[in-house]
Amino acid sequence: MGATPCRCAGGDDTSRETSRSATLRLVKPSAFDYHAPSSADEAVALLAELGDDAKVLAGGQSLIPMMSLRLASFGHLVDIGRIPELVGIDAAPDAVIIGAGTTEAAIETANSSVGSALPVPAPTITRS
C-alpha cells in the first residue's frame, strides 16, 4: 500500500473550568488509524484488507461530530476525499454517473446536460 497510516489518538475525556465554576466535559474521538489512499484501486484494496473495522470518509460532515461524541468508533478511517478519479459528473443519454468524491455544490452547478438527463425535477437536487 502506498498510503502511510497516521495514528490519531483522541485521548481521554478532559475537563476545564468555565467562568461559572462549572466543569465542562470535552469529549474526543477514540484512537484510530487514518489512511489517505491516492487511487480508487488503493482504497478498495485497503478496505478489503482492513475489513469491518474501517470506515470511509468522503466529507466528514456527520462522521466527525459522531466520532467526537463517541457515537461512532472504529480502528481505521479511510479518506477518499482527495482521490481525483472519484470526482466528477458524467452525463450519458441514459444515465448520470456522479463520483463518490463529488461535492453537492458541484452537482448543483453542473451543466444543463446533466440536468436534462436526470429523471427528477431540478429542485430535488439542490440544497435547501
N, C-alpha and C. Protein backbone atom coordinates (compact mmCIF):
# COMPACT_ATOMS: atom_id res chain seq x y z
N MET A 1 0.83 -1.18 0.00
CA MET A 1 0.00 0.00 0.00
C MET A 1 0.88 1.25 0.00
N GLY A 2 0.51 2.23 -0.80
CA GLY A 2 1.27 3.45 -0.89
C GLY A 2 0.98 4.43 0.23
N ALA A 3 -0.23 4.37 0.79
CA ALA A 3 -0.60 5.32 1.83
C ALA A 3 0.00 4.89 3.16
N THR A 4 0.57 5.85 3.86
CA THR A 4 1.12 5.58 5.17
C THR A 4 0.10 5.98 6.21
N PRO A 5 -0.30 5.05 7.07
CA PRO A 5 -1.31 5.40 8.08
C PRO A 5 -0.75 6.34 9.12
N CYS A 6 -1.63 7.13 9.67
CA CYS A 6 -1.28 8.06 10.74
C CYS A 6 -2.13 7.67 11.94
N ARG A 7 -1.52 7.44 13.08
CA ARG A 7 -2.28 7.06 14.27
C ARG A 7 -2.80 8.32 14.93
N CYS A 8 -4.11 8.45 14.98
CA CYS A 8 -4.73 9.63 15.56
C CYS A 8 -5.36 9.24 16.89
N ALA A 9 -4.87 9.82 17.95
CA ALA A 9 -5.39 9.48 19.27
C ALA A 9 -6.16 10.66 19.82
N GLY A 10 -7.42 10.45 20.05
CA GLY A 10 -8.26 11.50 20.62
C GLY A 10 -8.00 11.67 22.10
N GLY A 11 -7.55 10.62 22.74
CA GLY A 11 -7.24 10.71 24.15
C GLY A 11 -8.47 10.52 25.01
N ASP A 12 -8.27 10.66 26.29
CA ASP A 12 -9.37 10.51 27.24
C ASP A 12 -10.14 11.81 27.34
N ASP A 13 -11.32 11.72 27.96
CA ASP A 13 -12.11 12.92 28.21
C ASP A 13 -11.29 13.85 29.09
N THR A 14 -11.37 15.12 28.81
CA THR A 14 -10.69 16.11 29.65
C THR A 14 -11.74 17.08 30.15
N SER A 15 -11.41 17.83 31.14
CA SER A 15 -12.35 18.83 31.65
C SER A 15 -11.60 20.12 31.90
N ARG A 16 -12.37 21.21 31.91
CA ARG A 16 -11.77 22.50 32.23
C ARG A 16 -12.80 23.32 32.99
N GLU A 17 -12.31 24.27 33.73
CA GLU A 17 -13.21 25.13 34.49
C GLU A 17 -13.72 26.24 33.59
N THR A 18 -15.01 26.53 33.68
CA THR A 18 -15.59 27.65 32.95
C THR A 18 -15.68 28.83 33.88
N SER A 19 -16.09 29.98 33.38
CA SER A 19 -16.16 31.18 34.20
C SER A 19 -17.21 31.06 35.30
N ARG A 20 -18.16 30.15 35.17
CA ARG A 20 -19.19 29.96 36.19
C ARG A 20 -18.82 28.84 37.16
N SER A 21 -17.60 28.40 37.17
CA SER A 21 -17.11 27.34 38.04
C SER A 21 -17.79 26.00 37.80
N ALA A 22 -18.37 25.82 36.64
CA ALA A 22 -18.96 24.52 36.28
C ALA A 22 -17.92 23.78 35.44
N THR A 23 -17.93 22.48 35.58
CA THR A 23 -16.98 21.68 34.82
C THR A 23 -17.57 21.35 33.47
N LEU A 24 -16.86 21.64 32.42
CA LEU A 24 -17.27 21.33 31.06
C LEU A 24 -16.49 20.11 30.60
N ARG A 25 -17.18 19.05 30.20
CA ARG A 25 -16.52 17.83 29.74
C ARG A 25 -16.28 17.93 28.24
N LEU A 26 -15.05 17.79 27.84
CA LEU A 26 -14.70 17.78 26.43
C LEU A 26 -14.49 16.34 26.00
N VAL A 27 -15.23 15.91 25.02
CA VAL A 27 -15.14 14.54 24.55
C VAL A 27 -14.35 14.53 23.25
N LYS A 28 -13.46 13.59 23.12
CA LYS A 28 -12.65 13.46 21.91
C LYS A 28 -12.81 12.05 21.36
N PRO A 29 -12.57 11.89 20.05
CA PRO A 29 -12.70 10.55 19.46
C PRO A 29 -11.70 9.57 20.06
N SER A 30 -12.08 8.29 20.05
CA SER A 30 -11.13 7.27 20.45
C SER A 30 -10.06 7.14 19.37
N ALA A 31 -8.96 6.51 19.68
CA ALA A 31 -7.83 6.41 18.76
C ALA A 31 -8.21 5.59 17.52
N PHE A 32 -7.67 5.99 16.37
CA PHE A 32 -7.89 5.27 15.11
C PHE A 32 -6.72 5.53 14.19
N ASP A 33 -6.57 4.68 13.18
CA ASP A 33 -5.54 4.88 12.16
C ASP A 33 -6.18 5.58 10.97
N TYR A 34 -5.53 6.65 10.51
CA TYR A 34 -6.01 7.43 9.36
C TYR A 34 -5.24 7.01 8.12
N HIS A 35 -5.97 6.70 7.04
CA HIS A 35 -5.36 6.30 5.77
C HIS A 35 -5.86 7.23 4.67
N ALA A 36 -4.97 7.68 3.80
CA ALA A 36 -5.33 8.56 2.69
C ALA A 36 -4.81 7.95 1.39
N PRO A 37 -5.53 6.98 0.82
CA PRO A 37 -5.08 6.37 -0.43
C PRO A 37 -5.12 7.39 -1.57
N SER A 38 -4.28 7.18 -2.59
CA SER A 38 -4.21 8.14 -3.68
C SER A 38 -4.94 7.67 -4.94
N SER A 39 -5.52 6.48 -4.91
CA SER A 39 -6.28 5.99 -6.06
C SER A 39 -7.45 5.13 -5.58
N ALA A 40 -8.42 4.94 -6.45
CA ALA A 40 -9.57 4.10 -6.11
C ALA A 40 -9.13 2.66 -5.89
N ASP A 41 -8.22 2.16 -6.72
CA ASP A 41 -7.73 0.79 -6.55
C ASP A 41 -7.07 0.60 -5.19
N GLU A 42 -6.28 1.59 -4.79
CA GLU A 42 -5.62 1.51 -3.49
C GLU A 42 -6.64 1.56 -2.35
N ALA A 43 -7.69 2.38 -2.49
CA ALA A 43 -8.73 2.47 -1.46
C ALA A 43 -9.48 1.14 -1.34
N VAL A 44 -9.83 0.53 -2.47
CA VAL A 44 -10.54 -0.74 -2.45
C VAL A 44 -9.69 -1.82 -1.80
N ALA A 45 -8.41 -1.88 -2.15
CA ALA A 45 -7.51 -2.88 -1.56
C ALA A 45 -7.37 -2.66 -0.06
N LEU A 46 -7.26 -1.42 0.34
CA LEU A 46 -7.11 -1.08 1.76
C LEU A 46 -8.37 -1.47 2.54
N LEU A 47 -9.53 -1.16 1.99
CA LEU A 47 -10.79 -1.52 2.66
C LEU A 47 -10.96 -3.04 2.75
N ALA A 48 -10.55 -3.75 1.70
CA ALA A 48 -10.63 -5.22 1.73
C ALA A 48 -9.70 -5.78 2.81
N GLU A 49 -8.52 -5.20 2.93
CA GLU A 49 -7.55 -5.66 3.92
C GLU A 49 -8.00 -5.36 5.35
N LEU A 50 -8.57 -4.18 5.58
CA LEU A 50 -8.94 -3.75 6.93
C LEU A 50 -10.27 -4.32 7.40
N GLY A 51 -11.14 -4.67 6.47
CA GLY A 51 -12.42 -5.28 6.82
C GLY A 51 -13.39 -4.34 7.51
N ASP A 52 -14.20 -4.92 8.39
CA ASP A 52 -15.28 -4.18 9.05
C ASP A 52 -14.81 -3.14 10.05
N ASP A 53 -13.55 -3.14 10.41
CA ASP A 53 -13.03 -2.17 11.37
C ASP A 53 -12.65 -0.84 10.70
N ALA A 54 -12.92 -0.72 9.38
CA ALA A 54 -12.60 0.50 8.65
C ALA A 54 -13.87 1.20 8.21
N LYS A 55 -13.84 2.53 8.22
CA LYS A 55 -14.95 3.35 7.74
C LYS A 55 -14.41 4.30 6.68
N VAL A 56 -15.25 4.61 5.70
CA VAL A 56 -14.87 5.51 4.61
C VAL A 56 -15.26 6.93 4.98
N LEU A 57 -14.35 7.86 4.74
CA LEU A 57 -14.60 9.28 4.93
C LEU A 57 -14.50 9.96 3.58
N ALA A 58 -15.56 10.67 3.18
CA ALA A 58 -15.52 11.42 1.93
C ALA A 58 -15.64 12.91 2.21
N GLY A 59 -16.37 13.28 3.23
CA GLY A 59 -16.54 14.69 3.56
C GLY A 59 -16.48 14.95 5.06
N GLY A 60 -17.02 14.04 5.83
CA GLY A 60 -16.94 14.16 7.28
C GLY A 60 -17.97 15.04 7.93
N GLN A 61 -18.96 15.51 7.19
CA GLN A 61 -19.95 16.42 7.75
C GLN A 61 -20.71 15.81 8.93
N SER A 62 -20.98 14.52 8.90
CA SER A 62 -21.69 13.91 10.01
C SER A 62 -20.81 12.93 10.79
N LEU A 63 -19.81 12.37 10.17
CA LEU A 63 -18.98 11.37 10.84
C LEU A 63 -18.11 11.98 11.94
N ILE A 64 -17.50 13.10 11.67
CA ILE A 64 -16.58 13.71 12.63
C ILE A 64 -17.29 14.08 13.94
N PRO A 65 -18.45 14.75 13.89
CA PRO A 65 -19.15 15.02 15.17
C PRO A 65 -19.54 13.74 15.90
N MET A 66 -19.96 12.70 15.16
CA MET A 66 -20.33 11.44 15.80
C MET A 66 -19.12 10.81 16.49
N MET A 67 -17.95 10.94 15.86
CA MET A 67 -16.73 10.42 16.47
C MET A 67 -16.39 11.20 17.74
N SER A 68 -16.55 12.52 17.68
CA SER A 68 -16.22 13.36 18.84
C SER A 68 -17.10 13.04 20.03
N LEU A 69 -18.33 12.65 19.79
CA LEU A 69 -19.24 12.28 20.86
C LEU A 69 -19.16 10.79 21.20
N ARG A 70 -18.27 10.10 20.50
CA ARG A 70 -18.07 8.65 20.65
C ARG A 70 -19.33 7.85 20.36
N LEU A 71 -20.12 8.36 19.41
CA LEU A 71 -21.27 7.61 18.92
C LEU A 71 -20.84 6.69 17.79
N ALA A 72 -19.68 6.95 17.23
CA ALA A 72 -19.09 6.09 16.20
C ALA A 72 -17.65 5.81 16.62
N SER A 73 -17.24 4.55 16.50
CA SER A 73 -15.89 4.17 16.89
C SER A 73 -15.42 3.03 16.00
N PHE A 74 -14.18 3.12 15.56
CA PHE A 74 -13.60 2.11 14.68
C PHE A 74 -12.10 2.26 14.71
N GLY A 75 -11.40 1.28 14.19
CA GLY A 75 -9.95 1.29 14.23
C GLY A 75 -9.27 2.02 13.09
N HIS A 76 -9.98 2.16 11.95
CA HIS A 76 -9.35 2.75 10.76
C HIS A 76 -10.33 3.68 10.05
N LEU A 77 -9.81 4.82 9.59
CA LEU A 77 -10.58 5.78 8.80
C LEU A 77 -9.88 5.90 7.45
N VAL A 78 -10.60 5.61 6.37
CA VAL A 78 -10.03 5.66 5.02
C VAL A 78 -10.63 6.87 4.31
N ASP A 79 -9.81 7.89 4.07
CA ASP A 79 -10.26 9.15 3.48
C ASP A 79 -10.15 9.07 1.96
N ILE A 80 -11.32 9.07 1.28
CA ILE A 80 -11.33 9.01 -0.19
C ILE A 80 -11.57 10.38 -0.80
N GLY A 81 -11.60 11.41 0.01
CA GLY A 81 -11.94 12.75 -0.44
C GLY A 81 -10.97 13.38 -1.41
N ARG A 82 -9.76 12.89 -1.49
CA ARG A 82 -8.77 13.50 -2.37
C ARG A 82 -8.34 12.58 -3.52
N ILE A 83 -9.18 11.62 -3.85
CA ILE A 83 -8.87 10.72 -4.97
C ILE A 83 -9.48 11.32 -6.23
N PRO A 84 -8.65 11.83 -7.15
CA PRO A 84 -9.16 12.54 -8.32
C PRO A 84 -10.14 11.74 -9.17
N GLU A 85 -9.94 10.45 -9.32
CA GLU A 85 -10.80 9.66 -10.19
C GLU A 85 -12.20 9.45 -9.62
N LEU A 86 -12.41 9.82 -8.35
CA LEU A 86 -13.74 9.69 -7.74
C LEU A 86 -14.53 10.99 -7.77
N VAL A 87 -13.99 12.00 -8.42
CA VAL A 87 -14.65 13.30 -8.50
C VAL A 87 -15.12 13.54 -9.93
N GLY A 88 -16.36 13.95 -10.07
CA GLY A 88 -16.85 14.33 -11.38
C GLY A 88 -18.25 13.84 -11.66
N ILE A 89 -18.82 14.40 -12.71
CA ILE A 89 -20.17 14.07 -13.14
C ILE A 89 -20.11 13.76 -14.62
N ASP A 90 -20.65 12.61 -15.00
CA ASP A 90 -20.66 12.20 -16.40
C ASP A 90 -22.11 11.96 -16.82
N ALA A 91 -22.59 12.75 -17.78
CA ALA A 91 -23.96 12.60 -18.26
C ALA A 91 -23.96 11.87 -19.59
N ALA A 92 -24.66 10.76 -19.62
CA ALA A 92 -24.87 9.99 -20.85
C ALA A 92 -26.36 10.06 -21.16
N PRO A 93 -26.76 9.66 -22.35
CA PRO A 93 -28.20 9.74 -22.68
C PRO A 93 -29.09 8.95 -21.73
N ASP A 94 -28.59 7.85 -21.19
CA ASP A 94 -29.44 7.00 -20.36
C ASP A 94 -29.01 6.93 -18.89
N ALA A 95 -28.01 7.70 -18.49
CA ALA A 95 -27.54 7.63 -17.10
C ALA A 95 -26.72 8.87 -16.75
N VAL A 96 -26.68 9.17 -15.47
CA VAL A 96 -25.80 10.20 -14.94
C VAL A 96 -24.96 9.51 -13.86
N ILE A 97 -23.64 9.58 -14.01
CA ILE A 97 -22.73 8.96 -13.05
C ILE A 97 -22.09 10.08 -12.23
N ILE A 98 -22.31 10.03 -10.92
CA ILE A 98 -21.76 11.04 -10.02
C ILE A 98 -20.74 10.35 -9.13
N GLY A 99 -19.49 10.78 -9.22
CA GLY A 99 -18.40 10.17 -8.44
C GLY A 99 -18.59 10.37 -6.95
N ALA A 100 -18.09 9.43 -6.18
CA ALA A 100 -18.25 9.45 -4.72
C ALA A 100 -17.61 10.69 -4.08
N GLY A 101 -16.62 11.27 -4.72
CA GLY A 101 -15.96 12.44 -4.17
C GLY A 101 -16.50 13.76 -4.67
N THR A 102 -17.59 13.72 -5.42
CA THR A 102 -18.19 14.94 -5.98
C THR A 102 -19.00 15.65 -4.91
N THR A 103 -18.78 16.94 -4.79
CA THR A 103 -19.49 17.72 -3.77
C THR A 103 -20.90 18.06 -4.22
N GLU A 104 -21.77 18.37 -3.25
CA GLU A 104 -23.12 18.79 -3.58
C GLU A 104 -23.09 20.08 -4.39
N ALA A 105 -22.17 20.97 -4.08
CA ALA A 105 -22.06 22.23 -4.81
C ALA A 105 -21.76 21.97 -6.30
N ALA A 106 -20.91 20.99 -6.58
CA ALA A 106 -20.60 20.66 -7.98
C ALA A 106 -21.82 20.10 -8.69
N ILE A 107 -22.62 19.33 -7.98
CA ILE A 107 -23.84 18.78 -8.57
C ILE A 107 -24.83 19.90 -8.87
N GLU A 108 -24.96 20.82 -7.94
CA GLU A 108 -25.88 21.94 -8.11
C GLU A 108 -25.51 22.82 -9.30
N THR A 109 -24.23 22.97 -9.54
CA THR A 109 -23.78 23.87 -10.60
C THR A 109 -23.41 23.13 -11.88
N ALA A 110 -23.76 21.84 -11.96
CA ALA A 110 -23.44 21.05 -13.15
C ALA A 110 -24.13 21.64 -14.36
N ASN A 111 -23.53 21.41 -15.52
CA ASN A 111 -24.09 22.00 -16.73
C ASN A 111 -25.47 21.44 -17.05
N SER A 112 -26.16 22.06 -17.98
CA SER A 112 -27.55 21.71 -18.28
C SER A 112 -27.71 20.31 -18.84
N SER A 113 -26.68 19.73 -19.45
CA SER A 113 -26.82 18.37 -19.99
C SER A 113 -27.04 17.36 -18.87
N VAL A 114 -26.48 17.63 -17.70
CA VAL A 114 -26.70 16.74 -16.56
C VAL A 114 -28.14 16.90 -16.09
N GLY A 115 -28.60 18.14 -15.95
CA GLY A 115 -29.96 18.39 -15.51
C GLY A 115 -31.00 17.79 -16.44
N SER A 116 -30.76 17.82 -17.73
CA SER A 116 -31.73 17.25 -18.67
C SER A 116 -31.71 15.73 -18.66
N ALA A 117 -30.62 15.12 -18.22
CA ALA A 117 -30.53 13.66 -18.20
C ALA A 117 -31.11 13.06 -16.92
N LEU A 118 -31.29 13.90 -15.88
CA LEU A 118 -31.82 13.39 -14.62
C LEU A 118 -33.34 13.27 -14.69
N PRO A 119 -33.89 12.16 -14.22
CA PRO A 119 -35.34 11.97 -14.26
C PRO A 119 -36.08 12.57 -13.07
N VAL A 120 -35.47 13.58 -12.40
CA VAL A 120 -36.12 14.23 -11.26
C VAL A 120 -36.12 15.74 -11.50
N PRO A 121 -37.06 16.43 -10.93
CA PRO A 121 -37.09 17.90 -11.08
C PRO A 121 -35.85 18.53 -10.47
N ALA A 122 -35.38 19.61 -11.04
CA ALA A 122 -34.15 20.28 -10.57
C ALA A 122 -34.18 20.65 -9.10
N PRO A 123 -35.31 21.13 -8.52
CA PRO A 123 -35.28 21.48 -7.09
C PRO A 123 -34.97 20.29 -6.18
N THR A 124 -35.14 19.09 -6.66
CA THR A 124 -34.88 17.89 -5.84
C THR A 124 -33.40 17.74 -5.56
N ILE A 125 -32.54 18.19 -6.44
CA ILE A 125 -31.11 18.01 -6.25
C ILE A 125 -30.40 19.24 -5.71
N THR A 126 -31.14 20.27 -5.36
CA THR A 126 -30.50 21.46 -4.79
C THR A 126 -30.66 21.46 -3.29
N ARG A 127 -29.74 22.12 -2.62
CA ARG A 127 -29.79 22.24 -1.16
C ARG A 127 -30.85 23.23 -0.76
N SER A 128 -31.48 22.99 0.38
CA SER A 128 -32.45 23.97 0.89
C SER A 128 -31.88 24.72 2.04
